Amino acid sequence: MEPQSCYLQSDAIKESVMGIGLAHMDFTPLFYGVVMFLGLWSMWHKITHGQVLGFTVEVSVFALVFMLHGGTMAGGFAAMVCALLGGSILPRTIRRNK
C-alpha cells in the first residue's frame, strides 16, 4: 500500500510543477488587435491622403466579407485581412487598367 500512495503523491507533484511551466498564453487576441490596428490605420491614411477609391474598396470589402461570414469574430478577422489586401491591391489594379 505504501508504494502506491508514494506514486500518487509523485504524480500530484509532477502535475503541479508542469502546471507552473505552462503559461496558457494565447496570442490570438494580440494578433487580432494588431491586424485591427493596421486596418484602422490604413483607412485613416487613405482618408487623410485623399485616396477615396482605396478607402471605398476597403470598407466595401470589409462589409461584404463580414456579412458573408455571419458577423462572427473569425469572420471579422477574415474580413479585416481581406479588406487590407483588397484596399491595397485593387485600387492599383483599377488604375493600371484605365
PDB file of N, CA and C in Angstrom:
ATOM      1  N   MET A   1       0.818  -1.192   0.000  1.00  0.00           N
ATOM      2  CA  MET A   1       0.000   0.000   0.000  1.00  0.00           C
ATOM      3  C   MET A   1       0.861   1.256   0.000  1.00  0.00           C
ATOM      4  N   GLU A   2       1.969   1.191   0.663  1.00  0.00           N
ATOM      5  CA  GLU A   2       2.845   2.358   0.770  1.00  0.00           C
ATOM      6  C   GLU A   2       3.398   2.800  -0.593  1.00  0.00           C
ATOM      7  N   PRO A   3       3.900   1.898  -1.446  1.00  0.00           N
ATOM      8  CA  PRO A   3       4.427   2.345  -2.741  1.00  0.00           C
ATOM      9  C   PRO A   3       3.376   3.020  -3.616  1.00  0.00           C
ATOM     10  N   GLN A   4       2.141   2.568  -3.534  1.00  0.00           N
ATOM     11  CA  GLN A   4       1.094   3.173  -4.351  1.00  0.00           C
ATOM     12  C   GLN A   4       0.810   4.604  -3.914  1.00  0.00           C
ATOM     13  N   SER A   5       0.730   4.863  -2.620  1.00  0.00           N
ATOM     14  CA  SER A   5       0.472   6.222  -2.146  1.00  0.00           C
ATOM     15  C   SER A   5       1.634   7.142  -2.501  1.00  0.00           C
ATOM     16  N   CYS A   6       2.848   6.612  -2.462  1.00  0.00           N
ATOM     17  CA  CYS A   6       4.016   7.403  -2.858  1.00  0.00           C
ATOM     18  C   CYS A   6       3.933   7.742  -4.346  1.00  0.00           C
ATOM     19  N   TYR A   7       3.466   6.786  -5.140  1.00  0.00           N
ATOM     20  CA  TYR A   7       3.314   7.009  -6.572  1.00  0.00           C
ATOM     21  C   TYR A   7       2.288   8.101  -6.850  1.00  0.00           C
ATOM     22  N   LEU A   8       1.160   8.069  -6.139  1.00  0.00           N
ATOM     23  CA  LEU A   8       0.128   9.081  -6.326  1.00  0.00           C
ATOM     24  C   LEU A   8       0.630  10.457  -5.922  1.00  0.00           C
ATOM     25  N   GLN A   9       1.394  10.514  -4.847  1.00  0.00           N
ATOM     26  CA  GLN A   9       1.938  11.794  -4.393  1.00  0.00           C
ATOM     27  C   GLN A   9       2.936  12.320  -5.422  1.00  0.00           C
ATOM     28  N   SER A  10       3.719  11.445  -6.001  1.00  0.00           N
ATOM     29  CA  SER A  10       4.684  11.842  -7.015  1.00  0.00           C
ATOM     30  C   SER A  10       3.981  12.423  -8.239  1.00  0.00           C
ATOM     31  N   ASP A  11       2.869  11.823  -8.651  1.00  0.00           N
ATOM     32  CA  ASP A  11       2.110  12.348  -9.784  1.00  0.00           C
ATOM     33  C   ASP A  11       1.538  13.725  -9.488  1.00  0.00           C
ATOM     34  N   ALA A  12       1.057  13.917  -8.265  1.00  0.00           N
ATOM     35  CA  ALA A  12       0.495  15.215  -7.891  1.00  0.00           C
ATOM     36  C   ALA A  12       1.565  16.295  -7.942  1.00  0.00           C
ATOM     37  N   ILE A  13       2.749  15.979  -7.474  1.00  0.00           N
ATOM     38  CA  ILE A  13       3.848  16.954  -7.516  1.00  0.00           C
ATOM     39  C   ILE A  13       4.237  17.236  -8.958  1.00  0.00           C
ATOM     40  N   LYS A  14       4.313  16.189  -9.763  1.00  0.00           N
ATOM     41  CA  LYS A  14       4.676  16.353 -11.166  1.00  0.00           C
ATOM     42  C   LYS A  14       3.662  17.234 -11.902  1.00  0.00           C
ATOM     43  N   GLU A  15       2.382  17.028 -11.646  1.00  0.00           N
ATOM     44  CA  GLU A  15       1.345  17.835 -12.295  1.00  0.00           C
ATOM     45  C   GLU A  15       1.420  19.291 -11.874  1.00  0.00           C
ATOM     46  N   SER A  16       1.685  19.548 -10.588  1.00  0.00           N
ATOM     47  CA  SER A  16       1.749  20.938 -10.137  1.00  0.00           C
ATOM     48  C   SER A  16       2.974  21.637 -10.703  1.00  0.00           C
ATOM     49  N   VAL A  17       4.090  20.930 -10.826  1.00  0.00           N
ATOM     50  CA  VAL A  17       5.297  21.528 -11.404  1.00  0.00           C
ATOM     51  C   VAL A  17       5.089  21.790 -12.888  1.00  0.00           C
ATOM     52  N   MET A  18       4.448  20.879 -13.594  1.00  0.00           N
ATOM     53  CA  MET A  18       4.194  21.084 -15.017  1.00  0.00           C
ATOM     54  C   MET A  18       3.214  22.226 -15.239  1.00  0.00           C
ATOM     55  N   GLY A  19       2.268  22.392 -14.320  1.00  0.00           N
ATOM     56  CA  GLY A  19       1.302  23.476 -14.435  1.00  0.00           C
ATOM     57  C   GLY A  19       1.957  24.841 -14.349  1.00  0.00           C
ATOM     58  N   ILE A  20       3.043  24.929 -13.597  1.00  0.00           N
ATOM     59  CA  ILE A  20       3.763  26.200 -13.484  1.00  0.00           C
ATOM     60  C   ILE A  20       4.421  26.553 -14.816  1.00  0.00           C
ATOM     61  N   GLY A  21       4.935  25.555 -15.502  1.00  0.00           N
ATOM     62  CA  GLY A  21       5.624  25.796 -16.762  1.00  0.00           C
ATOM     63  C   GLY A  21       4.702  26.180 -17.906  1.00  0.00           C
ATOM     64  N   LEU A  22       3.451  25.786 -17.824  1.00  0.00           N
ATOM     65  CA  LEU A  22       2.501  26.117 -18.884  1.00  0.00           C
ATOM     66  C   LEU A  22       1.867  27.464 -18.580  1.00  0.00           C
ATOM     67  N   ALA A  23       2.127  28.429 -19.399  1.00  0.00           N
ATOM     68  CA  ALA A  23       1.611  29.775 -19.149  1.00  0.00           C
ATOM     69  C   ALA A  23       0.189  29.941 -19.675  1.00  0.00           C
ATOM     70  N   HIS A  24      -0.251  29.046 -20.528  1.00  0.00           N
ATOM     71  CA  HIS A  24      -1.585  29.129 -21.135  1.00  0.00           C
ATOM     72  C   HIS A  24      -1.796  30.477 -21.812  1.00  0.00           C
ATOM     73  N   MET A  25      -0.787  30.936 -22.490  1.00  0.00           N
ATOM     74  CA  MET A  25      -0.888  32.221 -23.184  1.00  0.00           C
ATOM     75  C   MET A  25      -1.461  31.992 -24.572  1.00  0.00           C
ATOM     76  N   ASP A  26      -2.365  32.849 -24.936  1.00  0.00           N
ATOM     77  CA  ASP A  26      -2.987  32.784 -26.246  1.00  0.00           C
ATOM     78  C   ASP A  26      -2.707  34.111 -26.943  1.00  0.00           C
ATOM     79  N   PHE A  27      -1.963  34.068 -28.014  1.00  0.00           N
ATOM     80  CA  PHE A  27      -1.585  35.292 -28.717  1.00  0.00           C
ATOM     81  C   PHE A  27      -2.611  35.707 -29.769  1.00  0.00           C
ATOM     82  N   THR A  28      -3.699  34.973 -29.881  1.00  0.00           N
ATOM     83  CA  THR A  28      -4.716  35.302 -30.873  1.00  0.00           C
ATOM     84  C   THR A  28      -5.297  36.701 -30.679  1.00  0.00           C
ATOM     85  N   PRO A  29      -5.684  37.103 -29.446  1.00  0.00           N
ATOM     86  CA  PRO A  29      -6.206  38.467 -29.287  1.00  0.00           C
ATOM     87  C   PRO A  29      -5.182  39.546 -29.633  1.00  0.00           C
ATOM     88  N   LEU A  30      -3.913  39.283 -29.330  1.00  0.00           N
ATOM     89  CA  LEU A  30      -2.865  40.242 -29.675  1.00  0.00           C
ATOM     90  C   LEU A  30      -2.740  40.375 -31.186  1.00  0.00           C
ATOM     91  N   PHE A  31      -2.707  39.254 -31.882  1.00  0.00           N
ATOM     92  CA  PHE A  31      -2.614  39.269 -33.340  1.00  0.00           C
ATOM     93  C   PHE A  31      -3.846  39.925 -33.954  1.00  0.00           C
ATOM     94  N   TYR A  32      -5.018  39.614 -33.398  1.00  0.00           N
ATOM     95  CA  TYR A  32      -6.280  40.214 -33.845  1.00  0.00           C
ATOM     96  C   TYR A  32      -6.222  41.730 -33.682  1.00  0.00           C
ATOM     97  N   GLY A  33      -5.708  42.186 -32.540  1.00  0.00           N
ATOM     98  CA  GLY A  33      -5.585  43.621 -32.283  1.00  0.00           C
ATOM     99  C   GLY A  33      -4.621  44.307 -33.230  1.00  0.00           C
ATOM    100  N   VAL A  34      -3.513  43.651 -33.538  1.00  0.00           N
ATOM    101  CA  VAL A  34      -2.538  44.231 -34.468  1.00  0.00           C
ATOM    102  C   VAL A  34      -3.154  44.369 -35.858  1.00  0.00           C
ATOM    103  N   VAL A  35      -3.854  43.343 -36.311  1.00  0.00           N
ATOM    104  CA  VAL A  35      -4.498  43.407 -37.627  1.00  0.00           C
ATOM    105  C   VAL A  35      -5.588  44.474 -37.632  1.00  0.00           C
ATOM    106  N   MET A  36      -6.331  44.592 -36.524  1.00  0.00           N
ATOM    107  CA  MET A  36      -7.373  45.616 -36.433  1.00  0.00           C
ATOM    108  C   MET A  36      -6.751  47.012 -36.478  1.00  0.00           C
ATOM    109  N   PHE A  37      -5.641  47.203 -35.765  1.00  0.00           N
ATOM    110  CA  PHE A  37      -4.952  48.492 -35.800  1.00  0.00           C
ATOM    111  C   PHE A  37      -4.470  48.815 -37.206  1.00  0.00           C
ATOM    112  N   LEU A  38      -3.889  47.835 -37.885  1.00  0.00           N
ATOM    113  CA  LEU A  38      -3.419  48.064 -39.254  1.00  0.00           C
ATOM    114  C   LEU A  38      -4.569  48.447 -40.178  1.00  0.00           C
ATOM    115  N   GLY A  39      -5.718  47.808 -39.997  1.00  0.00           N
ATOM    116  CA  GLY A  39      -6.885  48.142 -40.815  1.00  0.00           C
ATOM    117  C   GLY A  39      -7.371  49.560 -40.566  1.00  0.00           C
ATOM    118  N   LEU A  40      -7.453  49.946 -39.289  1.00  0.00           N
ATOM    119  CA  LEU A  40      -7.886  51.309 -38.958  1.00  0.00           C
ATOM    120  C   LEU A  40      -6.878  52.340 -39.443  1.00  0.00           C
ATOM    121  N   TRP A  41      -5.587  52.038 -39.253  1.00  0.00           N
ATOM    122  CA  TRP A  41      -4.546  52.961 -39.708  1.00  0.00           C
ATOM    123  C   TRP A  41      -4.585  53.100 -41.233  1.00  0.00           C
ATOM    124  N   SER A  42      -4.798  51.997 -41.918  1.00  0.00           N
ATOM    125  CA  SER A  42      -4.865  52.025 -43.377  1.00  0.00           C
ATOM    126  C   SER A  42      -6.020  52.894 -43.858  1.00  0.00           C
ATOM    127  N   MET A  43      -7.191  52.735 -43.228  1.00  0.00           N
ATOM    128  CA  MET A  43      -8.339  53.556 -43.633  1.00  0.00           C
ATOM    129  C   MET A  43      -8.112  55.026 -43.291  1.00  0.00           C
ATOM    130  N   TRP A  44      -7.523  55.297 -42.125  1.00  0.00           N
ATOM    131  CA  TRP A  44      -7.231  56.687 -41.742  1.00  0.00           C
ATOM    132  C   TRP A  44      -6.250  57.320 -42.736  1.00  0.00           C
ATOM    133  N   HIS A  45      -5.228  56.572 -43.105  1.00  0.00           N
ATOM    134  CA  HIS A  45      -4.231  57.073 -44.053  1.00  0.00           C
ATOM    135  C   HIS A  45      -4.875  57.377 -45.404  1.00  0.00           C
ATOM    136  N   LYS A  46      -5.763  56.510 -45.844  1.00  0.00           N
ATOM    137  CA  LYS A  46      -6.415  56.717 -47.142  1.00  0.00           C
ATOM    138  C   LYS A  46      -7.342  57.926 -47.113  1.00  0.00           C
ATOM    139  N   ILE A  47      -8.046  58.131 -46.015  1.00  0.00           N
ATOM    140  CA  ILE A  47      -8.929  59.303 -45.912  1.00  0.00           C
ATOM    141  C   ILE A  47      -8.111  60.587 -45.883  1.00  0.00           C
ATOM    142  N   THR A  48      -7.062  60.624 -45.074  1.00  0.00           N
ATOM    143  CA  THR A  48      -6.281  61.858 -44.921  1.00  0.00           C
ATOM    144  C   THR A  48      -5.422  62.177 -46.137  1.00  0.00           C
ATOM    145  N   HIS A  49      -5.143  61.210 -46.983  1.00  0.00           N
ATOM    146  CA  HIS A  49      -4.331  61.449 -48.178  1.00  0.00           C
ATOM    147  C   HIS A  49      -5.156  61.454 -49.462  1.00  0.00           C
ATOM    148  N   GLY A  50      -6.466  61.500 -49.328  1.00  0.00           N
ATOM    149  CA  GLY A  50      -7.334  61.648 -50.495  1.00  0.00           C
ATOM    150  C   GLY A  50      -7.458  60.426 -51.377  1.00  0.00           C
ATOM    151  N   GLN A  51      -7.184  59.267 -50.861  1.00  0.00           N
ATOM    152  CA  GLN A  51      -7.304  58.034 -51.642  1.00  0.00           C
ATOM    153  C   GLN A  51      -8.713  57.464 -51.454  1.00  0.00           C
ATOM    154  N   VAL A  52      -9.664  58.129 -52.079  1.00  0.00           N
ATOM    155  CA  VAL A  52     -11.074  57.795 -51.893  1.00  0.00           C
ATOM    156  C   VAL A  52     -11.385  56.401 -52.442  1.00  0.00           C
ATOM    157  N   LEU A  53     -10.825  56.064 -53.588  1.00  0.00           N
ATOM    158  CA  LEU A  53     -11.077  54.752 -54.188  1.00  0.00           C
ATOM    159  C   LEU A  53     -10.593  53.631 -53.267  1.00  0.00           C
ATOM    160  N   GLY A  54      -9.390  53.764 -52.756  1.00  0.00           N
ATOM    161  CA  GLY A  54      -8.849  52.744 -51.850  1.00  0.00           C
ATOM    162  C   GLY A  54      -9.673  52.596 -50.584  1.00  0.00           C
ATOM    163  N   PHE A  55     -10.098  53.733 -50.029  1.00  0.00           N
ATOM    164  CA  PHE A  55     -10.931  53.703 -48.826  1.00  0.00           C
ATOM    165  C   PHE A  55     -12.267  53.028 -49.108  1.00  0.00           C
ATOM    166  N   THR A  56     -12.871  53.374 -50.230  1.00  0.00           N
ATOM    167  CA  THR A  56     -14.167  52.793 -50.592  1.00  0.00           C
ATOM    168  C   THR A  56     -14.058  51.288 -50.803  1.00  0.00           C
ATOM    169  N   VAL A  57     -13.006  50.866 -51.485  1.00  0.00           N
ATOM    170  CA  VAL A  57     -12.799  49.433 -51.714  1.00  0.00           C
ATOM    171  C   VAL A  57     -12.608  48.720 -50.381  1.00  0.00           C
ATOM    172  N   GLU A  58     -11.798  49.299 -49.508  1.00  0.00           N
ATOM    173  CA  GLU A  58     -11.504  48.653 -48.230  1.00  0.00           C
ATOM    174  C   GLU A  58     -12.761  48.499 -47.368  1.00  0.00           C
ATOM    175  N   VAL A  59     -13.544  49.551 -47.263  1.00  0.00           N
ATOM    176  CA  VAL A  59     -14.774  49.491 -46.461  1.00  0.00           C
ATOM    177  C   VAL A  59     -15.780  48.532 -47.093  1.00  0.00           C
ATOM    178  N   SER A  60     -15.904  48.569 -48.420  1.00  0.00           N
ATOM    179  CA  SER A  60     -16.861  47.691 -49.106  1.00  0.00           C
ATOM    180  C   SER A  60     -16.490  46.223 -48.953  1.00  0.00           C
ATOM    181  N   VAL A  61     -15.218  45.912 -49.126  1.00  0.00           N
ATOM    182  CA  VAL A  61     -14.767  44.524 -48.995  1.00  0.00           C
ATOM    183  C   VAL A  61     -14.971  44.047 -47.559  1.00  0.00           C
ATOM    184  N   PHE A  62     -14.639  44.899 -46.585  1.00  0.00           N
ATOM    185  CA  PHE A  62     -14.838  44.513 -45.187  1.00  0.00           C
ATOM    186  C   PHE A  62     -16.310  44.214 -44.904  1.00  0.00           C
ATOM    187  N   ALA A  63     -17.192  45.105 -45.330  1.00  0.00           N
ATOM    188  CA  ALA A  63     -18.627  44.921 -45.068  1.00  0.00           C
ATOM    189  C   ALA A  63     -19.148  43.654 -45.739  1.00  0.00           C
ATOM    190  N   LEU A  64     -18.751  43.421 -46.982  1.00  0.00           N
ATOM    191  CA  LEU A  64     -19.216  42.245 -47.714  1.00  0.00           C
ATOM    192  C   LEU A  64     -18.747  40.950 -47.051  1.00  0.00           C
ATOM    193  N   VAL A  65     -17.456  40.853 -46.766  1.00  0.00           N
ATOM    194  CA  VAL A  65     -16.914  39.619 -46.181  1.00  0.00           C
ATOM    195  C   VAL A  65     -17.463  39.409 -44.771  1.00  0.00           C
ATOM    196  N   PHE A  66     -17.607  40.488 -43.999  1.00  0.00           N
ATOM    197  CA  PHE A  66     -18.141  40.372 -42.640  1.00  0.00           C
ATOM    198  C   PHE A  66     -19.574  39.848 -42.662  1.00  0.00           C
ATOM    199  N   MET A  67     -20.380  40.355 -43.597  1.00  0.00           N
ATOM    200  CA  MET A  67     -21.760  39.870 -43.704  1.00  0.00           C
ATOM    201  C   MET A  67     -21.804  38.418 -44.179  1.00  0.00           C
ATOM    202  N   LEU A  68     -20.933  38.055 -45.128  1.00  0.00           N
ATOM    203  CA  LEU A  68     -20.918  36.684 -45.638  1.00  0.00           C
ATOM    204  C   LEU A  68     -20.516  35.672 -44.569  1.00  0.00           C
ATOM    205  N   HIS A  69     -19.682  36.092 -43.621  1.00  0.00           N
ATOM    206  CA  HIS A  69     -19.231  35.187 -42.560  1.00  0.00           C
ATOM    207  C   HIS A  69     -20.135  35.214 -41.337  1.00  0.00           C
ATOM    208  N   GLY A  70     -21.234  35.914 -41.399  1.00  0.00           N
ATOM    209  CA  GLY A  70     -22.211  35.878 -40.321  1.00  0.00           C
ATOM    210  C   GLY A  70     -21.905  36.748 -39.121  1.00  0.00           C
ATOM    211  N   GLY A  71     -20.964  37.649 -39.208  1.00  0.00           N
ATOM    212  CA  GLY A  71     -20.676  38.562 -38.113  1.00  0.00           C
ATOM    213  C   GLY A  71     -19.944  37.949 -36.938  1.00  0.00           C
ATOM    214  N   THR A  72     -19.283  36.825 -37.124  1.00  0.00           N
ATOM    215  CA  THR A  72     -18.540  36.191 -36.037  1.00  0.00           C
ATOM    216  C   THR A  72     -17.173  36.836 -35.883  1.00  0.00           C
ATOM    217  N   MET A  73     -16.472  36.497 -34.789  1.00  0.00           N
ATOM    218  CA  MET A  73     -15.134  37.040 -34.573  1.00  0.00           C
ATOM    219  C   MET A  73     -14.172  36.532 -35.650  1.00  0.00           C
ATOM    220  N   ALA A  74     -14.285  35.266 -35.994  1.00  0.00           N
ATOM    221  CA  ALA A  74     -13.443  34.717 -37.060  1.00  0.00           C
ATOM    222  C   ALA A  74     -13.776  35.377 -38.390  1.00  0.00           C
ATOM    223  N   GLY A  75     -15.055  35.642 -38.614  1.00  0.00           N
ATOM    224  CA  GLY A  75     -15.465  36.341 -39.830  1.00  0.00           C
ATOM    225  C   GLY A  75     -14.953  37.765 -39.867  1.00  0.00           C
ATOM    226  N   GLY A  76     -14.932  38.409 -38.710  1.00  0.00           N
ATOM    227  CA  GLY A  76     -14.386  39.765 -38.631  1.00  0.00           C
ATOM    228  C   GLY A  76     -12.902  39.789 -38.936  1.00  0.00           C
ATOM    229  N   PHE A  77     -12.182  38.779 -38.442  1.00  0.00           N
ATOM    230  CA  PHE A  77     -10.750  38.701 -38.724  1.00  0.00           C
ATOM    231  C   PHE A  77     -10.513  38.461 -40.207  1.00  0.00           C
ATOM    232  N   ALA A  78     -11.277  37.546 -40.788  1.00  0.00           N
ATOM    233  CA  ALA A  78     -11.156  37.286 -42.225  1.00  0.00           C
ATOM    234  C   ALA A  78     -11.491  38.534 -43.021  1.00  0.00           C
ATOM    235  N   ALA A  79     -12.504  39.268 -42.577  1.00  0.00           N
ATOM    236  CA  ALA A  79     -12.899  40.494 -43.272  1.00  0.00           C
ATOM    237  C   ALA A  79     -11.812  41.553 -43.180  1.00  0.00           C
ATOM    238  N   MET A  80     -11.164  41.658 -42.014  1.00  0.00           N
ATOM    239  CA  MET A  80     -10.093  42.653 -41.869  1.00  0.00           C
ATOM    240  C   MET A  80      -8.911  42.338 -42.778  1.00  0.00           C
ATOM    241  N   VAL A  81      -8.507  41.082 -42.802  1.00  0.00           N
ATOM    242  CA  VAL A  81      -7.375  40.694 -43.650  1.00  0.00           C
ATOM    243  C   VAL A  81      -7.724  40.891 -45.120  1.00  0.00           C
ATOM    244  N   CYS A  82      -8.919  40.477 -45.503  1.00  0.00           N
ATOM    245  CA  CYS A  82      -9.359  40.626 -46.889  1.00  0.00           C
ATOM    246  C   CYS A  82      -9.456  42.098 -47.280  1.00  0.00           C
ATOM    247  N   ALA A  83      -9.962  42.929 -46.377  1.00  0.00           N
ATOM    248  CA  ALA A  83     -10.083  44.359 -46.665  1.00  0.00           C
ATOM    249  C   ALA A  83      -8.716  45.015 -46.798  1.00  0.00           C
ATOM    250  N   LEU A  84      -7.760  44.620 -45.947  1.00  0.00           N
ATOM    251  CA  LEU A  84      -6.405  45.168 -46.068  1.00  0.00           C
ATOM    252  C   LEU A  84      -5.786  44.810 -47.415  1.00  0.00           C
ATOM    253  N   LEU A  85      -5.929  43.548 -47.801  1.00  0.00           N
ATOM    254  CA  LEU A  85      -5.381  43.125 -49.093  1.00  0.00           C
ATOM    255  C   LEU A  85      -6.120  43.786 -50.250  1.00  0.00           C
ATOM    256  N   GLY A  86      -7.435  43.786 -50.174  1.00  0.00           N
ATOM    257  CA  GLY A  86      -8.234  44.394 -51.246  1.00  0.00           C
ATOM    258  C   GLY A  86      -8.002  45.884 -51.369  1.00  0.00           C
ATOM    259  N   GLY A  87      -7.898  46.570 -50.232  1.00  0.00           N
ATOM    260  CA  GLY A  87      -7.688  48.018 -50.256  1.00  0.00           C
ATOM    261  C   GLY A  87      -6.321  48.428 -50.749  1.00  0.00           C
ATOM    262  N   SER A  88      -5.352  47.528 -50.666  1.00  0.00           N
ATOM    263  CA  SER A  88      -4.020  47.880 -51.158  1.00  0.00           C
ATOM    264  C   SER A  88      -3.762  47.382 -52.582  1.00  0.00           C
ATOM    265  N   ILE A  89      -4.445  46.333 -53.019  1.00  0.00           N
ATOM    266  CA  ILE A  89      -4.181  45.757 -54.345  1.00  0.00           C
ATOM    267  C   ILE A  89      -5.183  46.226 -55.403  1.00  0.00           C
ATOM    268  N   LEU A  90      -6.472  46.199 -55.089  1.00  0.00           N
ATOM    269  CA  LEU A  90      -7.491  46.523 -56.099  1.00  0.00           C
ATOM    270  C   LEU A  90      -7.390  47.944 -56.664  1.00  0.00           C
ATOM    271  N   PRO A  91      -7.169  48.985 -55.860  1.00  0.00           N
ATOM    272  CA  PRO A  91      -7.056  50.324 -56.463  1.00  0.00           C
ATOM    273  C   PRO A  91      -5.899  50.443 -57.456  1.00  0.00           C
ATOM    274  N   ARG A  92      -4.789  49.781 -57.173  1.00  0.00           N
ATOM    275  CA  ARG A  92      -3.650  49.803 -58.111  1.00  0.00           C
ATOM    276  C   ARG A  92      -4.009  49.096 -59.411  1.00  0.00           C
ATOM    277  N   THR A  93      -4.724  47.993 -59.308  1.00  0.00           N
ATOM    278  CA  THR A  93      -5.152  47.250 -60.494  1.00  0.00           C
ATOM    279  C   THR A  93      -6.133  48.066 -61.324  1.00  0.00           C
ATOM    280  N   ILE A  94      -7.063  48.733 -60.659  1.00  0.00           N
ATOM    281  CA  ILE A  94      -8.054  49.548 -61.367  1.00  0.00           C
ATOM    282  C   ILE A  94      -7.378  50.714 -62.075  1.00  0.00           C
ATOM    283  N   ARG A  95      -6.407  51.353 -61.417  1.00  0.00           N
ATOM    284  CA  ARG A  95      -5.702  52.488 -62.040  1.00  0.00           C
ATOM    285  C   ARG A  95      -4.876  52.054 -63.242  1.00  0.00           C
ATOM    286  N   ARG A  96      -4.288  50.856 -63.195  1.00  0.00           N
ATOM    287  CA  ARG A  96      -3.496  50.362 -64.327  1.00  0.00           C
ATOM    288  C   ARG A  96      -4.364  50.079 -65.540  1.00  0.00           C
ATOM    289  N   ASN A  97      -5.576  49.629 -65.311  1.00  0.00           N
ATOM    290  CA  ASN A  97      -6.469  49.275 -66.417  1.00  0.00           C
ATOM    291  C   ASN A  97      -7.056  50.490 -67.114  1.00  0.00           C
ATOM    292  N   LYS A  98      -7.006  51.659 -66.511  1.00  0.00           N
ATOM    293  CA  LYS A  98      -7.601  52.853 -67.133  1.00  0.00           C
ATOM    294  C   LYS A  98      -6.724  53.446 -68.180  1.00  0.00           C
TER     295      LYS A  98
END
